[in-house]
Amino acid sequence: MENFAGLTGVYADYNHAKIVVLPVPYDATSSWVHGSEKGPEALLEASVQLEWFDIETQTEVYKNGIYTAPPVYDNETPEALCDAVERQVTAIFAAKKFPVVIGGNHTVSIGAMRSAAKQYNDLTILQLDAHSDLRRSYEGSELNHACVMNQAKKVAQITQVGIRSQCIEETDNFNPSRIFYAMDILQDKENEWERRAKATLGRNVYLTIDLDVFDPAYVPSTGTPEPGGLSYIQVLHFLKQIFAEHNVVGFDVVELCPNPFAKASDFLAARLIYQLLTYKFLR
């Protein structure tokens, strides 16, 4: 796999880097479109085309160093995969570096969330997603991608943004004051929802982004696309505030299901990561 952003030399060196990108090419629990195991490689390949200079902030976050770790391939079972990701992310925290996990389907986030919850008190897991992912079990597994936020609830408070699809079994498994539906966001011309969402967050935040939070017009290449999603600018407007006002301890970007004939989704995912790192290291 390519190094993130095509970095070489000191800026891609582990010892220098403040940031570690951890690819997790895992797709075993996907339930519709398969191919997210190819997401990390496609994202890293697209990231080579990034400009390192950010117009908005007039900064170059790559100078903080971004190390691209070897991929996690412990995928014999969902349990093994989650344990392996947790170990790797815990090692990143121990080294005082900032973890960015790239999937793979949403199951890869579970281990990272568990690690963050063990490292930080007053932690909220902030989910951007089309689906609430609150099933207690799905297709015979409690670690299915559709159960990710039920697992997150076991280790921290959760806040959910962009949701526009859930099943009846999930409707007794969330706090209505901590879920922000896409239909309400899109009708809120004053962005009042942002203030209310921020008020639910603790001092520390772990951010998990399923790319289907974006409308398929922006990201068609995902495993479970849903119409009526958010735009790239809406997501950045919100997340810039989160990085400015809270201690974001790490994040993941998952569910890229690349189309070899259409690269826009791959590049958006790479651009999103670079922009969020820019916001993080403005401090």
Protein backbone atom coordinates (compact mmCIF):
# COMPACT_ATOMS: atom_id res chain seq x y z
CA MET A 1 0.00 0.00 0.00
CA GLU A 2 1.02 3.62 -0.59
CA ASN A 3 2.05 5.89 2.28
CA PHE A 4 -0.72 8.34 3.14
CA ALA A 5 -0.41 11.48 0.98
CA GLY A 6 2.56 9.93 -0.80
CA LEU A 7 4.87 11.05 1.98
CA THR A 8 8.47 9.88 2.12
CA GLY A 9 11.54 10.49 4.23
CA VAL A 10 11.28 12.12 7.62
CA TYR A 11 7.61 13.04 7.18
CA ALA A 12 6.65 9.37 6.77
CA ASP A 13 9.01 8.13 9.49
CA TYR A 14 7.44 6.58 12.60
CA ASN A 15 9.82 8.23 15.04
CA HIS A 16 9.11 11.70 13.69
CA ALA A 17 5.37 11.26 13.13
CA LYS A 18 2.71 12.63 15.45
CA ILE A 19 0.05 10.81 13.41
CA VAL A 20 -0.36 7.11 12.61
CA VAL A 21 -2.68 5.92 9.85
CA LEU A 22 -3.74 2.31 10.46
CA PRO A 23 -5.30 0.47 7.47
CA VAL A 24 -7.72 -2.35 8.31
CA PRO A 25 -8.87 -4.10 5.09
CA TYR A 26 -11.78 -6.06 6.59
CA ASP A 27 -15.12 -6.88 4.97
CA ALA A 28 -16.26 -10.18 6.52
CA THR A 29 -19.37 -8.84 8.29
CA SER A 30 -20.67 -6.75 5.37
CA SER A 31 -24.29 -7.50 4.54
CA TRP A 32 -24.93 -5.91 1.13
CA VAL A 33 -22.28 -4.53 -1.25
CA HIS A 34 -18.95 -6.21 -0.64
CA GLY A 35 -15.55 -4.75 -1.39
CA SER A 36 -14.77 -2.53 1.60
CA GLU A 37 -11.66 -4.63 2.26
CA LYS A 38 -10.27 -2.78 -0.76
CA GLY A 39 -11.13 0.59 0.76
CA PRO A 40 -7.87 1.29 2.61
CA GLU A 41 -5.70 0.62 -0.43
CA ALA A 42 -7.92 2.76 -2.68
CA LEU A 43 -7.97 5.59 -0.16
CA LEU A 44 -4.19 5.54 0.24
CA GLU A 45 -3.72 5.42 -3.52
CA ALA A 46 -6.00 8.45 -3.96
CA SER A 47 -4.26 10.31 -1.13
CA VAL A 48 -1.09 10.53 -3.22
CA GLN A 49 -2.94 13.17 -5.29
CA LEU A 50 -3.57 15.46 -2.30
CA GLU A 51 -2.08 18.94 -2.22
CA TRP A 52 -0.18 19.25 1.06
CA PHE A 53 -1.03 22.95 1.47
CA ASP A 54 -4.45 23.73 2.95
CA ILE A 55 -6.04 26.89 1.55
CA GLU A 56 -8.51 27.38 4.40
CA THR A 57 -5.96 27.39 7.22
CA GLN A 58 -2.82 28.28 5.24
CA THR A 59 -1.03 25.33 6.89
CA GLU A 60 0.69 22.08 5.91
CA VAL A 61 -0.29 19.42 8.42
CA TYR A 62 1.99 16.78 6.86
CA LYS A 63 4.93 18.51 8.57
CA ASN A 64 3.72 16.94 11.82
CA GLY A 65 4.64 13.60 10.28
CA ILE A 66 2.15 10.95 9.13
CA TYR A 67 3.27 7.35 9.45
CA THR A 68 1.33 4.70 7.52
CA ALA A 69 1.35 1.49 9.57
CA PRO A 70 1.26 -2.03 8.14
CA PRO A 71 -2.32 -3.22 7.60
CA VAL A 72 -4.14 -5.28 10.22
CA TYR A 73 -5.01 -8.67 8.74
CA ASP A 74 -6.16 -10.57 11.87
CA ASN A 75 -9.56 -11.37 10.36
CA GLU A 76 -10.23 -15.03 11.14
CA THR A 77 -13.18 -13.95 13.31
CA PRO A 78 -14.75 -10.57 14.14
CA GLU A 79 -13.50 -11.03 17.71
CA ALA A 80 -9.91 -11.51 16.52
CA LEU A 81 -10.16 -8.47 14.26
CA CYS A 82 -11.53 -6.21 17.02
CA ASP A 83 -8.87 -7.42 19.49
CA ALA A 84 -6.09 -6.80 16.96
CA VAL A 85 -7.28 -3.27 16.20
CA GLU A 86 -7.59 -2.52 19.91
CA ARG A 87 -3.99 -3.65 20.51
CA GLN A 88 -2.66 -1.57 17.63
CA VAL A 89 -4.54 1.58 18.62
CA THR A 90 -3.51 1.16 22.25
CA ALA A 91 0.12 1.02 21.11
CA ILE A 92 -0.41 4.25 19.14
CA PHE A 93 -1.83 5.97 22.22
CA ALA A 94 1.04 4.65 24.34
CA ALA A 95 3.50 6.22 21.90
CA LYS A 96 1.71 9.60 22.31
CA LYS A 97 0.63 9.62 18.67
CA PHE A 98 -2.74 10.37 17.08
CA PRO A 99 -4.54 7.36 15.55
CA VAL A 100 -6.46 7.39 12.27
CA VAL A 101 -8.04 4.04 11.41
CA ILE A 102 -9.19 3.44 7.84
CA GLY A 103 -11.52 0.59 6.92
CA GLY A 104 -12.84 -1.79 5.88
CA ASN A 105 -16.38 -1.97 7.12
CA HIS A 106 -17.61 -0.43 10.35
CA THR A 107 -16.68 -3.44 12.50
CA VAL A 108 -13.07 -2.21 12.39
CA SER A 109 -14.07 0.76 14.58
CA ILE A 110 -15.01 -1.37 17.59
CA GLY A 111 -11.46 -2.10 18.70
CA ALA A 112 -10.42 1.54 18.29
CA MET A 113 -13.40 2.72 20.35
CA ARG A 114 -12.62 0.25 23.12
CA SER A 115 -9.04 1.43 23.24
CA ALA A 116 -10.01 5.11 23.36
CA ALA A 117 -12.50 4.47 26.16
CA LYS A 118 -9.78 2.79 28.25
CA GLN A 119 -7.38 5.69 27.69
CA TYR A 120 -9.67 8.68 28.26
CA ASN A 121 -12.24 9.64 30.85
CA ASP A 122 -15.24 11.81 29.96
CA LEU A 123 -15.22 10.33 26.45
CA THR A 124 -18.02 10.63 23.91
CA ILE A 125 -18.03 8.55 20.74
CA LEU A 126 -19.36 10.81 18.00
CA GLN A 127 -20.78 8.88 15.05
CA LEU A 128 -21.46 10.35 11.62
CA ASP A 129 -23.44 7.77 9.69
CA ALA A 130 -26.56 7.09 7.64
CA HIS A 131 -27.47 4.16 9.91
CA SER A 132 -27.84 4.10 13.67
CA ASP A 133 -26.02 0.72 13.89
CA LEU A 134 -27.70 -0.09 17.20
CA ARG A 135 -28.75 -3.66 16.56
CA ARG A 136 -27.80 -5.88 19.47
CA SER A 137 -26.99 -8.71 17.04
CA TYR A 138 -27.18 -9.10 13.28
CA GLU A 139 -26.64 -12.12 11.06
CA GLY A 140 -25.48 -14.12 14.07
CA SER A 141 -22.87 -11.68 15.38
CA GLU A 142 -22.84 -8.93 18.01
CA LEU A 143 -19.80 -7.51 16.17
CA ASN A 144 -21.51 -7.04 12.82
CA HIS A 145 -21.14 -3.62 11.20
CA ALA A 146 -24.83 -3.05 12.04
CA CYS A 147 -24.06 -3.43 15.78
CA VAL A 148 -21.14 -1.05 16.09
CA MET A 149 -22.84 1.65 18.13
CA ASN A 150 -24.46 -0.88 20.43
CA GLN A 151 -20.89 -1.96 21.20
CA ALA A 152 -19.83 1.68 21.58
CA LYS A 153 -22.60 2.26 24.14
CA LYS A 154 -21.00 -0.35 26.36
CA VAL A 155 -17.82 1.70 26.79
CA ALA A 156 -18.82 5.38 26.47
CA GLN A 157 -21.57 7.90 25.83
CA ILE A 158 -22.53 8.14 22.17
CA THR A 159 -23.88 10.94 19.94
CA GLN A 160 -25.20 10.14 16.48
CA VAL A 161 -25.36 12.55 13.52
CA GLY A 162 -26.75 12.18 10.01
CA ILE A 163 -28.91 9.14 10.72
CA ARG A 164 -31.63 8.38 8.19
CA SER A 165 -32.11 4.61 8.40
CA GLN A 166 -32.86 2.32 11.34
CA CYS A 167 -34.94 -0.77 12.07
CA ILE A 168 -37.78 -1.07 14.58
CA GLU A 169 -35.60 -3.14 16.92
CA GLU A 170 -33.25 -0.17 17.34
CA THR A 171 -35.90 2.31 18.43
CA ASP A 172 -35.68 1.31 22.11
CA ASN A 173 -31.89 1.45 22.15
CA PHE A 174 -30.98 5.14 21.85
CA ASN A 175 -31.31 8.43 23.67
CA PRO A 176 -33.52 10.79 21.60
CA SER A 177 -31.55 13.81 22.83
CA ARG A 178 -28.32 12.37 21.43
CA ILE A 179 -29.42 11.45 17.91
CA PHE A 180 -29.60 14.00 15.08
CA TYR A 181 -31.49 12.80 12.04
CA ALA A 182 -30.48 13.93 8.57
CA MET A 183 -34.02 15.06 7.75
CA ASP A 184 -33.96 17.48 10.70
CA ILE A 185 -30.44 18.69 9.91
CA LEU A 186 -31.36 19.46 6.32
CA GLN A 187 -34.41 21.49 7.41
CA ASP A 188 -32.50 23.47 10.06
CA LYS A 189 -31.47 26.59 8.15
CA GLU A 190 -29.93 28.17 11.28
CA ASN A 191 -27.81 25.09 12.09
CA GLU A 192 -29.23 25.07 15.60
CA TRP A 193 -28.72 21.31 15.64
CA GLU A 194 -24.96 21.87 15.82
CA ARG A 195 -25.23 23.66 19.16
CA ARG A 196 -27.43 20.94 20.59
CA ALA A 197 -25.14 18.17 19.32
CA LYS A 198 -22.04 19.83 20.75
CA ALA A 199 -23.77 20.14 24.13
CA THR A 200 -23.99 16.34 24.36
CA LEU A 201 -20.23 15.82 24.05
CA GLY A 202 -17.74 15.23 26.81
CA ARG A 203 -14.33 16.88 27.00
CA ASN A 204 -12.78 14.04 24.99
CA VAL A 205 -14.22 12.80 21.69
CA TYR A 206 -13.53 9.78 19.53
CA LEU A 207 -14.93 10.31 16.05
CA THR A 208 -16.20 7.50 13.82
CA ILE A 209 -17.21 8.38 10.26
CA ASP A 210 -19.08 5.97 8.05
CA LEU A 211 -18.81 7.46 4.57
CA ASP A 212 -22.49 6.78 3.92
CA VAL A 213 -23.22 9.82 6.13
CA PHE A 214 -22.63 11.71 2.88
CA ASP A 215 -25.36 11.79 0.28
CA PRO A 216 -24.61 9.30 -2.53
CA ALA A 217 -24.17 12.30 -4.82
CA TYR A 218 -20.90 12.88 -2.94
CA VAL A 219 -19.92 9.31 -2.03
CA PRO A 220 -21.61 6.67 -4.20
CA SER A 221 -18.88 4.10 -3.52
CA THR A 222 -19.98 2.77 -0.15
CA GLY A 223 -21.44 -0.51 0.99
CA THR A 224 -24.90 0.72 2.05
CA PRO A 225 -25.68 4.07 0.34
CA GLU A 226 -28.74 5.98 1.56
CA PRO A 227 -30.36 9.00 -0.15
CA GLY A 228 -30.88 12.23 1.73
CA GLY A 229 -27.43 12.55 3.24
CA LEU A 230 -25.16 15.41 4.22
CA SER A 231 -22.79 17.35 1.99
CA TYR A 232 -19.02 17.54 2.34
CA ILE A 233 -19.24 21.21 3.37
CA GLN A 234 -21.90 20.50 6.02
CA VAL A 235 -19.77 17.78 7.58
CA LEU A 236 -16.65 19.95 7.64
CA HIS A 237 -18.54 22.95 9.07
CA PHE A 238 -19.66 20.82 12.00
CA LEU A 239 -16.44 18.92 12.58
CA LYS A 240 -14.23 21.99 12.49
CA GLN A 241 -16.12 23.17 15.58
CA ILE A 242 -15.69 19.80 17.28
CA PHE A 243 -11.93 19.88 16.79
CA ALA A 244 -11.76 23.48 18.02
CA GLU A 245 -13.87 22.99 21.14
CA HIS A 246 -13.08 19.41 22.23
CA ASN A 247 -10.10 17.12 22.52
CA VAL A 248 -10.56 14.74 19.60
CA VAL A 249 -8.38 11.77 20.60
CA GLY A 250 -8.60 9.83 17.33
CA PHE A 251 -10.91 9.00 14.48
CA ASP A 252 -11.74 6.42 11.86
CA VAL A 253 -13.12 6.60 8.32
CA VAL A 254 -14.83 3.43 7.14
CA GLU A 255 -17.09 1.81 4.53
CA LEU A 256 -15.35 2.97 1.37
CA CYS A 257 -16.27 0.35 -1.22
CA PRO A 258 -14.19 1.50 -4.19
CA ASN A 259 -15.34 1.48 -7.79
CA PRO A 260 -12.33 1.05 -10.11
CA PHE A 261 -14.03 3.20 -12.75
CA ALA A 262 -14.95 6.13 -10.46
CA LYS A 263 -12.35 7.56 -8.09
CA ALA A 264 -14.19 10.56 -6.63
CA SER A 265 -15.29 8.72 -3.48
CA ASP A 266 -11.75 7.50 -2.84
CA PHE A 267 -10.36 11.02 -3.10
CA LEU A 268 -13.09 12.54 -0.93
CA ALA A 269 -12.24 10.04 1.82
CA ALA A 270 -8.55 10.90 1.60
CA ARG A 271 -9.28 14.64 1.49
CA LEU A 272 -11.56 14.33 4.51
CA ILE A 273 -8.82 12.69 6.56
CA TYR A 274 -6.26 15.34 5.61
CA GLN A 275 -8.69 18.17 6.42
CA LEU A 276 -9.58 16.71 9.82
CA LEU A 277 -5.91 16.29 10.65
CA THR A 278 -5.44 19.92 9.67
CA TYR A 279 -8.13 20.95 12.17
CA LYS A 280 -6.62 18.76 14.87
CA PHE A 281 -3.12 20.14 14.56
CA LEU A 282 -4.12 23.80 14.34
CA ARG A 283 -4.07 23.75 18.14
